[in-house]
PDB file of all heavy atoms in Angstrom:
ATOM      1  N   THR A   1      -1.287  27.097 -32.858  1.00  0.00           N
ATOM      2  CA  THR A   1      -1.825  28.451 -33.002  1.00  0.00           C
ATOM      3  C   THR A   1      -1.501  29.059 -34.370  1.00  0.00           C
ATOM      4  O   THR A   1      -1.900  30.179 -34.640  1.00  0.00           O
ATOM      5  CB  THR A   1      -1.275  29.392 -31.924  1.00  0.00           C
ATOM      6  OG1 THR A   1       0.130  29.665 -32.173  1.00  0.00           O
ATOM      7  CG2 THR A   1      -1.409  28.773 -30.531  1.00  0.00           C
ATOM      8  N   MET A   2      -0.820  28.291 -35.195  1.00  0.00           N
ATOM      9  CA  MET A   2      -0.454  28.780 -36.510  1.00  0.00           C
ATOM     10  C   MET A   2      -1.155  27.921 -37.596  1.00  0.00           C
ATOM     11  O   MET A   2      -1.523  26.785 -37.347  1.00  0.00           O
ATOM     12  CB  MET A   2       1.077  28.715 -36.718  1.00  0.00           C
ATOM     13  CG  MET A   2       1.809  29.546 -35.656  1.00  0.00           C
ATOM     14  SD  MET A   2       3.600  29.521 -35.835  1.00  0.00           S
ATOM     15  CE  MET A   2       3.754  30.660 -37.241  1.00  0.00           C
ATOM     16  N   SER A   3      -1.404  28.505 -38.738  1.00  0.00           N
ATOM     17  CA  SER A   3      -2.168  27.873 -39.784  1.00  0.00           C
ATOM     18  C   SER A   3      -1.304  26.888 -40.607  1.00  0.00           C
ATOM     19  O   SER A   3      -0.098  26.900 -40.511  1.00  0.00           O
ATOM     20  CB  SER A   3      -2.752  28.926 -40.716  1.00  0.00           C
ATOM     21  OG  SER A   3      -1.689  29.540 -41.476  1.00  0.00           O
ATOM     22  N   GLU A   4      -1.973  26.071 -41.390  1.00  0.00           N
ATOM     23  CA  GLU A   4      -1.274  25.169 -42.270  1.00  0.00           C
ATOM     24  C   GLU A   4      -0.434  25.990 -43.287  1.00  0.00           C
ATOM     25  O   GLU A   4       0.695  25.603 -43.617  1.00  0.00           O
ATOM     26  CB  GLU A   4      -2.242  24.277 -43.039  1.00  0.00           C
ATOM     27  CG  GLU A   4      -1.545  23.317 -44.014  1.00  0.00           C
ATOM     28  CD  GLU A   4      -2.533  22.390 -44.704  1.00  0.00           C
ATOM     29  OE1 GLU A   4      -3.487  21.909 -44.035  1.00  0.00           O
ATOM     30  OE2 GLU A   4      -2.365  22.176 -45.919  1.00  0.00           O
ATOM     31  N   ALA A   5      -0.960  27.127 -43.738  1.00  0.00           N
ATOM     32  CA  ALA A   5      -0.195  27.965 -44.640  1.00  0.00           C
ATOM     33  C   ALA A   5       1.054  28.481 -43.974  1.00  0.00           C
ATOM     34  O   ALA A   5       2.143  28.576 -44.605  1.00  0.00           O
ATOM     35  CB  ALA A   5      -1.070  29.150 -45.098  1.00  0.00           C
ATOM     36  N   ASP A   6       0.968  28.825 -42.683  1.00  0.00           N
ATOM     37  CA  ASP A   6       2.150  29.257 -41.939  1.00  0.00           C
ATOM     38  C   ASP A   6       3.194  28.148 -41.883  1.00  0.00           C
ATOM     39  O   ASP A   6       4.372  28.387 -42.064  1.00  0.00           O
ATOM     40  CB  ASP A   6       1.758  29.652 -40.511  1.00  0.00           C
ATOM     41  CG  ASP A   6       0.986  30.955 -40.459  1.00  0.00           C
ATOM     42  OD1 ASP A   6       1.164  31.775 -41.375  1.00  0.00           O
ATOM     43  OD2 ASP A   6       0.228  31.140 -39.463  1.00  0.00           O
ATOM     44  N   SER A   7       2.735  26.930 -41.652  1.00  0.00           N
ATOM     45  CA  SER A   7       3.650  25.798 -41.561  1.00  0.00           C
ATOM     46  C   SER A   7       4.379  25.606 -42.852  1.00  0.00           C
ATOM     47  O   SER A   7       5.598  25.334 -42.882  1.00  0.00           O
ATOM     48  CB  SER A   7       2.901  24.510 -41.155  1.00  0.00           C
ATOM     49  OG  SER A   7       2.407  24.616 -39.822  1.00  0.00           O
ATOM     50  N   ARG A   8       3.663  25.695 -43.961  1.00  0.00           N
ATOM     51  CA  ARG A   8       4.300  25.534 -45.265  1.00  0.00           C
ATOM     52  C   ARG A   8       5.302  26.630 -45.523  1.00  0.00           C
ATOM     53  O   ARG A   8       6.407  26.399 -46.059  1.00  0.00           O
ATOM     54  CB  ARG A   8       3.232  25.482 -46.376  1.00  0.00           C
ATOM     55  CG  ARG A   8       2.330  24.261 -46.333  1.00  0.00           C
ATOM     56  CD  ARG A   8       1.354  24.248 -47.490  1.00  0.00           C
ATOM     57  NE  ARG A   8       0.362  23.187 -47.360  1.00  0.00           N
ATOM     58  CZ  ARG A   8       0.576  21.946 -47.701  1.00  0.00           C
ATOM     59  NH1 ARG A   8       1.726  21.607 -48.246  1.00  0.00           N
ATOM     60  NH2 ARG A   8      -0.373  21.000 -47.520  1.00  0.00           N
ATOM     61  N   LYS A   9       4.936  27.863 -45.192  1.00  0.00           N
ATOM     62  CA  LYS A   9       5.861  28.985 -45.407  1.00  0.00           C
ATOM     63  C   LYS A   9       7.098  28.843 -44.540  1.00  0.00           C
ATOM     64  O   LYS A   9       8.218  29.131 -45.004  1.00  0.00           O
ATOM     65  CB  LYS A   9       5.132  30.295 -45.116  1.00  0.00           C
ATOM     66  CG  LYS A   9       6.013  31.549 -45.376  1.00  0.00           C
ATOM     67  CD  LYS A   9       6.486  31.622 -46.806  1.00  0.00           C
ATOM     68  CE  LYS A   9       7.326  32.907 -47.038  1.00  0.00           C
ATOM     69  NZ  LYS A   9       7.847  32.967 -48.433  1.00  0.00           N
ATOM     70  N   LEU A  10       6.935  28.416 -43.315  1.00  0.00           N
ATOM     71  CA  LEU A  10       8.112  28.231 -42.433  1.00  0.00           C
ATOM     72  C   LEU A  10       9.090  27.220 -43.036  1.00  0.00           C
ATOM     73  O   LEU A  10      10.297  27.447 -43.026  1.00  0.00           O
ATOM     74  CB  LEU A  10       7.656  27.780 -41.039  1.00  0.00           C
ATOM     75  CG  LEU A  10       7.088  28.834 -40.117  1.00  0.00           C
ATOM     76  CD1 LEU A  10       6.510  28.213 -38.858  1.00  0.00           C
ATOM     77  CD2 LEU A  10       8.212  29.837 -39.739  1.00  0.00           C
ATOM     78  N   ILE A  11       8.569  26.142 -43.526  1.00  0.00           N
ATOM     79  CA  ILE A  11       9.458  25.147 -44.150  1.00  0.00           C
ATOM     80  C   ILE A  11      10.104  25.720 -45.414  1.00  0.00           C
ATOM     81  O   ILE A  11      11.320  25.520 -45.616  1.00  0.00           O
ATOM     82  CB  ILE A  11       8.678  23.847 -44.481  1.00  0.00           C
ATOM     83  CG1 ILE A  11       8.185  23.187 -43.199  1.00  0.00           C
ATOM     84  CG2 ILE A  11       9.536  22.890 -45.267  1.00  0.00           C
ATOM     85  CD1 ILE A  11       7.284  21.983 -43.394  1.00  0.00           C
ATOM     86  N   ALA A  12       9.374  26.482 -46.199  1.00  0.00           N
ATOM     87  CA  ALA A  12       9.913  27.078 -47.402  1.00  0.00           C
ATOM     88  C   ALA A  12      11.040  28.060 -47.029  1.00  0.00           C
ATOM     89  O   ALA A  12      12.075  28.102 -47.708  1.00  0.00           O
ATOM     90  CB  ALA A  12       8.812  27.818 -48.182  1.00  0.00           C
ATOM     91  N   VAL A  13      10.867  28.827 -45.968  1.00  0.00           N
ATOM     92  CA  VAL A  13      11.897  29.763 -45.572  1.00  0.00           C
ATOM     93  C   VAL A  13      13.108  29.009 -45.002  1.00  0.00           C
ATOM     94  O   VAL A  13      14.267  29.382 -45.310  1.00  0.00           O
ATOM     95  CB  VAL A  13      11.330  30.767 -44.532  1.00  0.00           C
ATOM     96  CG1 VAL A  13      12.443  31.693 -44.034  1.00  0.00           C
ATOM     97  CG2 VAL A  13      10.209  31.600 -45.107  1.00  0.00           C
ATOM     98  N   TYR A  14      12.871  27.957 -44.270  1.00  0.00           N
ATOM     99  CA  TYR A  14      13.956  27.106 -43.783  1.00  0.00           C
ATOM    100  C   TYR A  14      14.780  26.572 -44.949  1.00  0.00           C
ATOM    101  O   TYR A  14      16.004  26.573 -44.882  1.00  0.00           O
ATOM    102  CB  TYR A  14      13.375  25.982 -42.942  1.00  0.00           C
ATOM    103  CG  TYR A  14      14.395  25.020 -42.335  1.00  0.00           C
ATOM    104  CD1 TYR A  14      15.157  25.423 -41.237  1.00  0.00           C
ATOM    105  CD2 TYR A  14      14.562  23.773 -42.849  1.00  0.00           C
ATOM    106  CE1 TYR A  14      16.115  24.549 -40.679  1.00  0.00           C
ATOM    107  CE2 TYR A  14      15.520  22.877 -42.299  1.00  0.00           C
ATOM    108  CZ  TYR A  14      16.249  23.282 -41.221  1.00  0.00           C
ATOM    109  OH  TYR A  14      17.167  22.400 -40.674  1.00  0.00           O
ATOM    110  N   TRP A  15      14.111  26.105 -45.981  1.00  0.00           N
ATOM    111  CA  TRP A  15      14.824  25.606 -47.147  1.00  0.00           C
ATOM    112  C   TRP A  15      15.657  26.722 -47.779  1.00  0.00           C
ATOM    113  O   TRP A  15      16.789  26.496 -48.222  1.00  0.00           O
ATOM    114  CB  TRP A  15      13.824  25.084 -48.202  1.00  0.00           C
ATOM    115  CG  TRP A  15      13.200  23.749 -47.884  1.00  0.00           C
ATOM    116  CD1 TRP A  15      13.348  23.053 -46.714  1.00  0.00           C
ATOM    117  CD2 TRP A  15      12.350  23.032 -48.733  1.00  0.00           C
ATOM    118  NE1 TRP A  15      12.604  21.892 -46.770  1.00  0.00           N
ATOM    119  CE2 TRP A  15      12.003  21.846 -48.024  1.00  0.00           C
ATOM    120  CE3 TRP A  15      11.829  23.211 -50.004  1.00  0.00           C
ATOM    121  CZ2 TRP A  15      11.162  20.841 -48.595  1.00  0.00           C
ATOM    122  CZ3 TRP A  15      11.015  22.261 -50.547  1.00  0.00           C
ATOM    123  CH2 TRP A  15      10.662  21.066 -49.832  1.00  0.00           C
ATOM    124  N   GLY A  16      15.105  27.924 -47.817  1.00  0.00           N
ATOM    125  CA  GLY A  16      15.853  29.058 -48.329  1.00  0.00           C
ATOM    126  C   GLY A  16      17.142  29.316 -47.513  1.00  0.00           C
ATOM    127  O   GLY A  16      18.186  29.642 -48.085  1.00  0.00           O
ATOM    128  N   TYR A  17      17.044  29.167 -46.211  1.00  0.00           N
ATOM    129  CA  TYR A  17      18.183  29.321 -45.316  1.00  0.00           C
ATOM    130  C   TYR A  17      19.243  28.277 -45.652  1.00  0.00           C
ATOM    131  O   TYR A  17      20.447  28.557 -45.703  1.00  0.00           O
ATOM    132  CB  TYR A  17      17.721  29.211 -43.887  1.00  0.00           C
ATOM    133  CG  TYR A  17      18.602  29.891 -42.866  1.00  0.00           C
ATOM    134  CD1 TYR A  17      18.189  30.002 -41.553  1.00  0.00           C
ATOM    135  CD2 TYR A  17      19.864  30.396 -43.155  1.00  0.00           C
ATOM    136  CE1 TYR A  17      18.941  30.602 -40.550  1.00  0.00           C
ATOM    137  CE2 TYR A  17      20.641  31.008 -42.199  1.00  0.00           C
ATOM    138  CZ  TYR A  17      20.183  31.102 -40.896  1.00  0.00           C
ATOM    139  OH  TYR A  17      20.951  31.706 -39.930  1.00  0.00           O
ATOM    140  N   VAL A  18      18.798  27.047 -45.871  1.00  0.00           N
ATOM    141  CA  VAL A  18      19.710  25.952 -46.233  1.00  0.00           C
ATOM    142  C   VAL A  18      20.443  26.283 -47.521  1.00  0.00           C
ATOM    143  O   VAL A  18      21.685  26.062 -47.633  1.00  0.00           O
ATOM    144  CB  VAL A  18      18.948  24.636 -46.342  1.00  0.00           C
ATOM    145  CG1 VAL A  18      19.812  23.561 -46.971  1.00  0.00           C
ATOM    146  CG2 VAL A  18      18.434  24.164 -44.971  1.00  0.00           C
ATOM    147  N   THR A  19      19.757  26.806 -48.518  1.00  0.00           N
ATOM    148  CA  THR A  19      20.396  27.152 -49.769  1.00  0.00           C
ATOM    149  C   THR A  19      21.395  28.295 -49.615  1.00  0.00           C
ATOM    150  O   THR A  19      22.482  28.294 -50.194  1.00  0.00           O
ATOM    151  CB  THR A  19      19.329  27.532 -50.818  1.00  0.00           C
ATOM    152  OG1 THR A  19      18.539  26.366 -51.112  1.00  0.00           O
ATOM    153  CG2 THR A  19      19.938  28.061 -52.087  1.00  0.00           C
ATOM    154  N   LEU A  20      21.032  29.305 -48.784  1.00  0.00           N
ATOM    155  CA  LEU A  20      21.972  30.379 -48.533  1.00  0.00           C
ATOM    156  C   LEU A  20      23.274  29.888 -47.937  1.00  0.00           C
ATOM    157  O   LEU A  20      24.369  30.262 -48.360  1.00  0.00           O
ATOM    158  CB  LEU A  20      21.327  31.389 -47.548  1.00  0.00           C
ATOM    159  CG  LEU A  20      22.225  32.438 -46.939  1.00  0.00           C
ATOM    160  CD1 LEU A  20      22.820  33.347 -48.008  1.00  0.00           C
ATOM    161  CD2 LEU A  20      21.443  33.297 -45.899  1.00  0.00           C
ATOM    162  N   ILE A  21      23.171  28.989 -46.963  1.00  0.00           N
ATOM    163  CA  ILE A  21      24.368  28.423 -46.336  1.00  0.00           C
ATOM    164  C   ILE A  21      25.144  27.560 -47.329  1.00  0.00           C
ATOM    165  O   ILE A  21      26.380  27.608 -47.372  1.00  0.00           O
ATOM    166  CB  ILE A  21      23.993  27.644 -45.073  1.00  0.00           C
ATOM    167  CG1 ILE A  21      23.489  28.606 -44.007  1.00  0.00           C
ATOM    168  CG2 ILE A  21      25.166  26.845 -44.572  1.00  0.00           C
ATOM    169  CD1 ILE A  21      22.925  27.959 -42.783  1.00  0.00           C
ATOM    170  N   ASP A  22      24.456  26.790 -48.147  1.00  0.00           N
ATOM    171  CA  ASP A  22      25.152  25.968 -49.115  1.00  0.00           C
ATOM    172  C   ASP A  22      25.985  26.838 -50.066  1.00  0.00           C
ATOM    173  O   ASP A  22      27.095  26.479 -50.419  1.00  0.00           O
ATOM    174  CB  ASP A  22      24.104  25.171 -49.928  1.00  0.00           C
ATOM    175  CG  ASP A  22      24.775  24.286 -50.978  1.00  0.00           C
ATOM    176  OD1 ASP A  22      25.240  23.179 -50.628  1.00  0.00           O
ATOM    177  OD2 ASP A  22      24.810  24.720 -52.153  1.00  0.00           O
ATOM    178  N   GLU A  23      25.445  27.961 -50.480  1.00  0.00           N
ATOM    179  CA  GLU A  23      26.181  28.856 -51.371  1.00  0.00           C
ATOM    180  C   GLU A  23      27.429  29.401 -50.693  1.00  0.00           C
ATOM    181  O   GLU A  23      28.493  29.510 -51.364  1.00  0.00           O
ATOM    182  CB  GLU A  23      25.266  30.017 -51.822  1.00  0.00           C
ATOM    183  CG  GLU A  23      24.159  29.592 -52.737  1.00  0.00           C
ATOM    184  CD  GLU A  23      23.186  30.694 -53.073  1.00  0.00           C
ATOM    185  OE1 GLU A  23      23.402  31.817 -52.570  1.00  0.00           O
ATOM    186  OE2 GLU A  23      22.253  30.461 -53.863  1.00  0.00           O
ATOM    187  N   GLN A  24      27.360  29.708 -49.435  1.00  0.00           N
ATOM    188  CA  GLN A  24      28.533  30.189 -48.711  1.00  0.00           C
ATOM    189  C   GLN A  24      29.593  29.089 -48.531  1.00  0.00           C
ATOM    190  O   GLN A  24      30.785  29.348 -48.644  1.00  0.00           O
ATOM    191  CB  GLN A  24      28.134  30.789 -47.360  1.00  0.00           C
ATOM    192  CG  GLN A  24      27.081  31.882 -47.450  1.00  0.00           C
ATOM    193  CD  GLN A  24      27.329  32.869 -48.575  1.00  0.00           C
ATOM    194  OE1 GLN A  24      28.413  33.463 -48.673  1.00  0.00           O
ATOM    195  NE2 GLN A  24      26.315  33.038 -49.430  1.00  0.00           N
ATOM    196  N   ILE A  25      29.123  27.889 -48.293  1.00  0.00           N
ATOM    197  CA  ILE A  25      30.067  26.764 -48.224  1.00  0.00           C
ATOM    198  C   ILE A  25      30.761  26.589 -49.568  1.00  0.00           C
ATOM    199  O   ILE A  25      31.976  26.330 -49.653  1.00  0.00           O
ATOM    200  CB  ILE A  25      29.315  25.460 -47.843  1.00  0.00           C
ATOM    201  CG1 ILE A  25      28.849  25.552 -46.359  1.00  0.00           C
ATOM    202  CG2 ILE A  25      30.171  24.228 -48.046  1.00  0.00           C
ATOM    203  CD1 ILE A  25      27.921  24.435 -45.923  1.00  0.00           C
ATOM    204  N   GLY A  26      30.015  26.757 -50.644  1.00  0.00           N
ATOM    205  CA  GLY A  26      30.600  26.643 -51.977  1.00  0.00           C
ATOM    206  C   GLY A  26      31.707  27.663 -52.209  1.00  0.00           C
ATOM    207  O   GLY A  26      32.730  27.354 -52.835  1.00  0.00           O
ATOM    208  N   ARG A  27      31.502  28.872 -51.710  1.00  0.00           N
ATOM    209  CA  ARG A  27      32.535  29.926 -51.837  1.00  0.00           C
ATOM    210  C   ARG A  27      33.822  29.531 -51.133  1.00  0.00           C
ATOM    211  O   ARG A  27      34.930  29.706 -51.653  1.00  0.00           O
ATOM    212  CB  ARG A  27      32.010  31.246 -51.293  1.00  0.00           C
ATOM    213  CG  ARG A  27      30.843  31.827 -52.073  1.00  0.00           C
ATOM    214  CD  ARG A  27      30.355  33.134 -51.412  1.00  0.00           C
ATOM    215  NE  ARG A  27      31.412  34.104 -51.265  1.00  0.00           N
ATOM    216  CZ  ARG A  27      31.721  34.785 -50.151  1.00  0.00           C
ATOM    217  NH1 ARG A  27      31.012  34.564 -49.066  1.00  0.00           N
ATOM    218  NH2 ARG A  27      32.689  35.656 -50.134  1.00  0.00           N
ATOM    219  N   VAL A  28      33.658  28.959 -49.943  1.00  0.00           N
ATOM    220  CA  VAL A  28      34.851  28.607 -49.156  1.00  0.00           C
ATOM    221  C   VAL A  28      35.589  27.432 -49.794  1.00  0.00           C
ATOM    222  O   VAL A  28      36.837  27.440 -49.894  1.00  0.00           O
ATOM    223  CB  VAL A  28      34.429  28.269 -47.683  1.00  0.00           C
ATOM    224  CG1 VAL A  28      35.615  27.741 -46.892  1.00  0.00           C
ATOM    225  CG2 VAL A  28      33.821  29.491 -47.030  1.00  0.00           C
ATOM    226  N   VAL A  29      34.844  26.409 -50.229  1.00  0.00           N
ATOM    227  CA  VAL A  29      35.478  25.268 -50.843  1.00  0.00           C
ATOM    228  C   VAL A  29      36.169  25.679 -52.153  1.00  0.00           C
ATOM    229  O   VAL A  29      37.281  25.200 -52.493  1.00  0.00           O
ATOM    230  CB  VAL A  29      34.453  24.144 -51.062  1.00  0.00           C
ATOM    231  CG1 VAL A  29      35.068  22.987 -51.906  1.00  0.00           C
ATOM    232  CG2 VAL A  29      33.964  23.584 -49.743  1.00  0.00           C
TER     233      VAL A  29
END
């Protein structure tokens, strides 16, 4: 029920979430 553009954006946002968490891990280490 979602478009190809939606699918691409979802993955892009997921990647952003991964980067956010990586930065916080970096602070702790």
